[in-house]
């Protein structure tokens, strides 16, 4: 079963609880108002580690649907380009597009903000910053789908990144990777690799190897990124490799 089928089935949503589980329950037509408060956050700093891979993937995917919907309407309208980009980027099968659309529409109609969803996903993946980076990358893709990143869209993504635990520099690095410097063309390879320009050759190589390990698709899948989202990971890997190749040529590294 694809990740979309698992999300639509909603079974993992009740295990997750909280706003993510609630919106899945609303779409599935199940009552979730009796969930215990502790279900929203579970208990203990490592509680989510005992969740099944399916639950982790469902949490990640539901968060992307909800936050993407919130981002898409941030400029006051949801364009066809944004909807098409969402469907294409995340490889939603035709037979499941309608059901996924119900979650999207529920998120758009939800009078609440995006913060509760971002806070829950930050808690669930608190020890997996690479997974949270993938989610931020997905939001950038949605925001730029109509050709213009609206200031309000950027504000929401910035605040979401802050909720996820990224500082200002961390957000600017992700923005640089996905939008280029100042939203323009071209990238600074040192910014992409999160390196100081005065870093030694050994430091450059060490950082590059660490990023390759952390962002390898197989590693991300084991941490909760579904197969359907691996194109995002591949894009980021390509950016990391291109940045290292550029530095390698500049420095004459072998």
Protein backbone atom coordinates (compact mmCIF):
# COMPACT_ATOMS: atom_id res chain seq x y z
CA UNK A 1 0.00 0.00 0.00
CA UNK A 2 1.27 3.49 -0.86
CA UNK A 3 1.78 6.05 1.87
CA UNK A 4 -1.34 7.85 0.60
CA UNK A 5 -3.44 4.78 1.23
CA UNK A 6 -2.06 4.56 4.75
CA UNK A 7 -2.83 8.21 5.43
CA UNK A 8 -6.33 7.93 4.05
CA UNK A 9 -6.92 4.77 6.08
CA UNK A 10 -6.22 6.85 9.15
CA UNK A 11 -5.34 3.97 11.46
CA UNK A 12 -1.98 5.45 12.46
CA UNK A 13 -3.58 8.82 13.08
CA UNK A 14 -5.28 7.66 16.23
CA UNK A 15 -2.02 6.26 17.53
CA UNK A 16 -0.42 9.66 16.90
CA UNK A 17 -3.24 11.68 18.42
CA UNK A 18 -2.93 15.45 18.61
CA UNK A 19 -3.84 17.82 15.77
CA UNK A 20 -2.46 15.50 13.07
CA UNK A 21 -4.55 12.58 14.29
CA UNK A 22 -7.56 14.87 14.73
CA UNK A 23 -7.56 16.17 11.17
CA UNK A 24 -7.22 12.62 9.83
CA UNK A 25 -10.13 11.58 11.99
CA UNK A 26 -12.22 14.51 10.77
CA UNK A 27 -11.64 13.53 7.15
CA UNK A 28 -12.31 9.85 7.87
CA UNK A 29 -15.49 10.76 9.75
CA UNK A 30 -14.35 9.35 13.09
CA UNK A 31 -14.88 11.03 16.44
CA UNK A 32 -11.62 12.05 18.05
CA UNK A 33 -12.81 14.54 20.66
CA UNK A 34 -12.33 12.03 23.47
CA UNK A 35 -8.61 11.60 22.91
CA UNK A 36 -6.63 12.03 26.09
CA UNK A 37 -4.51 15.14 26.31
CA UNK A 38 -1.34 13.11 26.66
CA UNK A 39 -1.95 11.51 23.25
CA UNK A 40 -1.14 14.80 21.55
CA UNK A 41 2.39 14.67 22.80
CA UNK A 42 2.66 11.22 24.31
CA UNK A 43 5.04 11.04 27.23
CA UNK A 44 8.81 11.07 27.58
CA UNK A 45 11.41 12.58 25.26
CA UNK A 46 11.80 9.42 23.19
CA UNK A 47 8.18 8.26 23.09
CA UNK A 48 7.94 8.48 19.30
CA UNK A 49 10.89 6.12 18.87
CA UNK A 50 8.65 3.18 19.68
CA UNK A 51 6.15 4.05 16.95
CA UNK A 52 6.08 1.80 13.90
CA UNK A 53 7.66 2.93 10.60
CA UNK A 54 4.12 3.29 9.21
CA UNK A 55 3.14 5.70 12.00
CA UNK A 56 6.26 7.79 11.47
CA UNK A 57 5.66 7.95 7.72
CA UNK A 58 1.99 8.80 8.17
CA UNK A 59 2.91 11.61 10.58
CA UNK A 60 5.43 13.03 8.11
CA UNK A 61 3.02 12.80 5.17
CA UNK A 62 0.02 14.25 6.99
CA UNK A 63 2.15 17.16 8.19
CA UNK A 64 3.21 17.89 4.62
CA UNK A 65 -0.38 17.86 3.38
CA UNK A 66 -1.59 20.15 6.17
CA UNK A 67 1.34 22.59 6.16
CA UNK A 68 1.38 22.73 2.35
CA UNK A 69 -2.31 23.66 2.37
CA UNK A 70 -1.63 26.38 4.93
CA UNK A 71 1.28 27.69 2.85
CA UNK A 72 -0.72 27.59 -0.38
CA UNK A 73 -3.45 29.86 0.99
CA UNK A 74 -1.04 32.23 2.75
CA UNK A 75 -1.16 34.76 -0.11
CA UNK A 76 -4.96 34.78 -0.06
CA UNK A 77 -5.56 32.28 -2.85
CA UNK A 78 -4.69 28.72 -3.79
CA UNK A 79 -3.60 28.55 -7.43
CA UNK A 80 -3.89 25.64 -9.84
CA UNK A 81 -0.09 25.70 -10.11
CA UNK A 82 0.27 25.08 -6.38
CA UNK A 83 -2.20 22.21 -6.43
CA UNK A 84 -0.55 20.71 -9.53
CA UNK A 85 2.90 21.07 -7.96
CA UNK A 86 1.71 19.28 -4.84
CA UNK A 87 0.29 16.36 -6.82
CA UNK A 88 3.29 16.08 -9.11
CA UNK A 89 5.95 16.51 -6.46
CA UNK A 90 4.45 13.91 -4.17
CA UNK A 91 3.39 11.38 -6.84
CA UNK A 92 -0.22 11.03 -5.73
CA UNK A 93 -1.93 8.23 -7.70
CA UNK A 94 -5.00 9.35 -9.62
CA UNK A 95 -7.23 6.97 -7.71
CA UNK A 96 -6.14 8.48 -4.38
CA UNK A 97 -5.98 12.16 -5.36
CA UNK A 98 -9.58 12.84 -4.32
CA UNK A 99 -9.09 11.43 -0.83
CA UNK A 100 -5.82 13.30 -0.32
CA UNK A 101 -7.63 16.41 -1.54
CA UNK A 102 -10.10 16.01 1.33
CA UNK A 103 -7.27 16.35 3.85
CA UNK A 104 -5.91 19.36 1.93
CA UNK A 105 -9.36 21.02 1.91
CA UNK A 106 -9.93 20.26 5.59
CA UNK A 107 -6.60 21.91 6.41
CA UNK A 108 -7.50 24.97 4.34
CA UNK A 109 -10.88 25.27 6.05
CA UNK A 110 -9.43 24.75 9.52
CA UNK A 111 -9.77 28.06 11.31
CA UNK A 112 -6.69 27.31 13.41
CA UNK A 113 -3.18 28.17 12.38
CA UNK A 114 -0.33 25.96 11.24
CA UNK A 115 1.55 26.21 14.54
CA UNK A 116 -0.07 23.25 16.38
CA UNK A 117 0.77 20.93 13.49
CA UNK A 118 4.33 22.24 13.26
CA UNK A 119 4.75 21.85 17.03
CA UNK A 120 3.57 18.25 16.98
CA UNK A 121 5.83 17.25 14.10
CA UNK A 122 8.74 19.04 15.80
CA UNK A 123 8.12 16.92 18.87
CA UNK A 124 7.77 13.68 16.91
CA UNK A 125 10.99 14.19 14.93
CA UNK A 126 12.97 16.14 17.53
CA UNK A 127 15.98 13.85 17.09
CA UNK A 128 15.82 13.77 13.27
CA UNK A 129 16.80 17.22 11.94
CA UNK A 130 17.43 15.80 8.45
CA UNK A 131 13.78 14.68 8.28
CA UNK A 132 12.61 18.13 9.38
CA UNK A 133 14.82 19.68 6.70
CA UNK A 134 13.04 17.55 4.10
CA UNK A 135 9.70 18.88 5.27
CA UNK A 136 10.90 22.48 5.06
CA UNK A 137 12.17 21.72 1.55
CA UNK A 138 8.72 20.49 0.56
CA UNK A 139 7.17 23.73 1.79
CA UNK A 140 9.60 25.76 -0.31
CA UNK A 141 8.56 23.72 -3.37
CA UNK A 142 4.90 24.50 -2.76
CA UNK A 143 5.56 28.19 -2.09
CA UNK A 144 7.46 28.71 -5.34
CA UNK A 145 5.09 26.62 -7.49
CA UNK A 146 3.23 29.65 -8.84
CA UNK A 147 6.48 31.43 -9.70
CA UNK A 148 6.39 33.87 -6.80
CA UNK A 149 7.24 33.29 -3.15
CA UNK A 150 4.87 35.60 -1.31
CA UNK A 151 6.28 37.33 1.81
CA UNK A 152 3.56 35.73 3.95
CA UNK A 153 4.49 32.29 2.61
CA UNK A 154 8.11 32.94 3.48
CA UNK A 155 7.13 34.15 6.95
CA UNK A 156 5.20 30.95 7.64
CA UNK A 157 8.05 28.75 6.43
CA UNK A 158 10.53 30.75 8.51
CA UNK A 159 8.38 30.40 11.64
CA UNK A 160 7.81 26.69 10.95
CA UNK A 161 11.57 26.23 10.72
CA UNK A 162 11.93 28.09 14.03
CA UNK A 163 9.36 25.78 15.64
CA UNK A 164 11.37 22.84 14.26
CA UNK A 165 14.40 24.15 16.11
CA UNK A 166 16.38 25.78 13.29
CA UNK A 167 18.03 29.09 14.10
CA UNK A 168 18.22 32.02 11.69
CA UNK A 169 21.34 30.72 10.02
CA UNK A 170 19.83 27.26 9.62
CA UNK A 171 16.76 28.69 7.93
CA UNK A 172 18.83 30.88 5.59
CA UNK A 173 20.87 27.82 4.59
CA UNK A 174 17.72 25.89 3.65
CA UNK A 175 16.33 28.92 1.83
CA UNK A 176 19.62 29.21 -0.04
CA UNK A 177 19.48 25.56 -1.13
CA UNK A 178 15.89 25.74 -2.37
CA UNK A 179 15.56 29.33 -3.59
CA UNK A 180 19.13 30.48 -4.17
CA UNK A 181 20.66 33.57 -2.54
CA UNK A 182 17.96 36.19 -1.97
CA UNK A 183 15.58 34.01 -3.95
CA UNK A 184 17.68 34.41 -7.08
CA UNK A 185 19.84 32.15 -9.22
CA UNK A 186 23.06 30.50 -8.18
CA UNK A 187 24.16 29.11 -4.86
CA UNK A 188 27.08 29.56 -2.52
CA UNK A 189 28.63 26.10 -2.09
CA UNK A 190 29.90 26.95 1.40
CA UNK A 191 26.40 28.00 2.46
CA UNK A 192 24.95 24.76 1.11
CA UNK A 193 27.47 22.70 3.09
CA UNK A 194 27.14 24.97 6.14
CA UNK A 195 30.87 25.71 6.12
CA UNK A 196 33.05 28.72 6.81
CA UNK A 197 35.09 29.78 3.80
CA UNK A 198 38.22 29.44 5.94
CA UNK A 199 37.48 25.79 6.73
CA UNK A 200 40.41 23.47 6.10
CA UNK A 201 40.35 20.89 3.32
CA UNK A 202 39.92 18.15 5.91
CA UNK A 203 36.98 20.00 7.47
CA UNK A 204 35.37 20.35 4.05
CA UNK A 205 35.71 16.64 3.33
CA UNK A 206 34.48 15.65 6.78
CA UNK A 207 31.41 17.89 6.53
CA UNK A 208 30.59 16.64 3.05
CA UNK A 209 30.77 12.99 4.11
CA UNK A 210 28.57 13.68 7.15
CA UNK A 211 25.92 15.40 5.04
CA UNK A 212 25.92 12.56 2.52
CA UNK A 213 25.37 10.05 5.32
CA UNK A 214 22.61 12.09 6.99
CA UNK A 215 20.74 12.84 3.77
CA UNK A 216 21.04 9.49 2.02
CA UNK A 217 17.55 8.39 0.90
CA UNK A 218 17.85 5.01 2.63
CA UNK A 219 18.75 6.69 5.93
CA UNK A 220 15.87 9.15 5.63
CA UNK A 221 13.40 6.38 4.83
CA UNK A 222 14.47 4.53 7.97
CA UNK A 223 13.78 7.70 9.98
CA UNK A 224 10.29 8.29 8.63
CA UNK A 225 10.47 9.79 5.12
CA UNK A 226 8.23 7.70 2.83
CA UNK A 227 9.44 6.35 -0.52
CA UNK A 228 7.05 8.73 -2.29
CA UNK A 229 9.06 11.71 -1.03
CA UNK A 230 12.52 10.49 -1.95
CA UNK A 231 12.68 12.79 -4.98
CA UNK A 232 13.07 15.63 -2.47
CA UNK A 233 15.98 13.85 -0.82
CA UNK A 234 17.59 13.19 -4.20
CA UNK A 235 17.33 16.88 -5.09
CA UNK A 236 19.03 17.86 -1.86
CA UNK A 237 21.74 15.23 -2.36
CA UNK A 238 22.33 16.66 -5.82
CA UNK A 239 22.72 20.14 -4.32
CA UNK A 240 25.19 18.83 -1.73
CA UNK A 241 27.22 16.98 -4.36
CA UNK A 242 27.24 19.99 -6.70
CA UNK A 243 28.42 22.26 -3.88
CA UNK A 244 31.24 19.89 -2.94
CA UNK A 245 32.28 19.49 -6.60
CA UNK A 246 32.48 23.28 -6.91
CA UNK A 247 34.65 23.61 -3.81
CA UNK A 248 36.73 20.62 -4.90
CA UNK A 249 37.53 22.31 -8.22
CA UNK A 250 38.23 25.66 -6.59
CA UNK A 251 40.67 24.10 -4.12
CA UNK A 252 42.07 21.40 -6.35
CA UNK A 253 41.02 18.68 -3.92
CA UNK A 254 41.40 15.01 -4.74
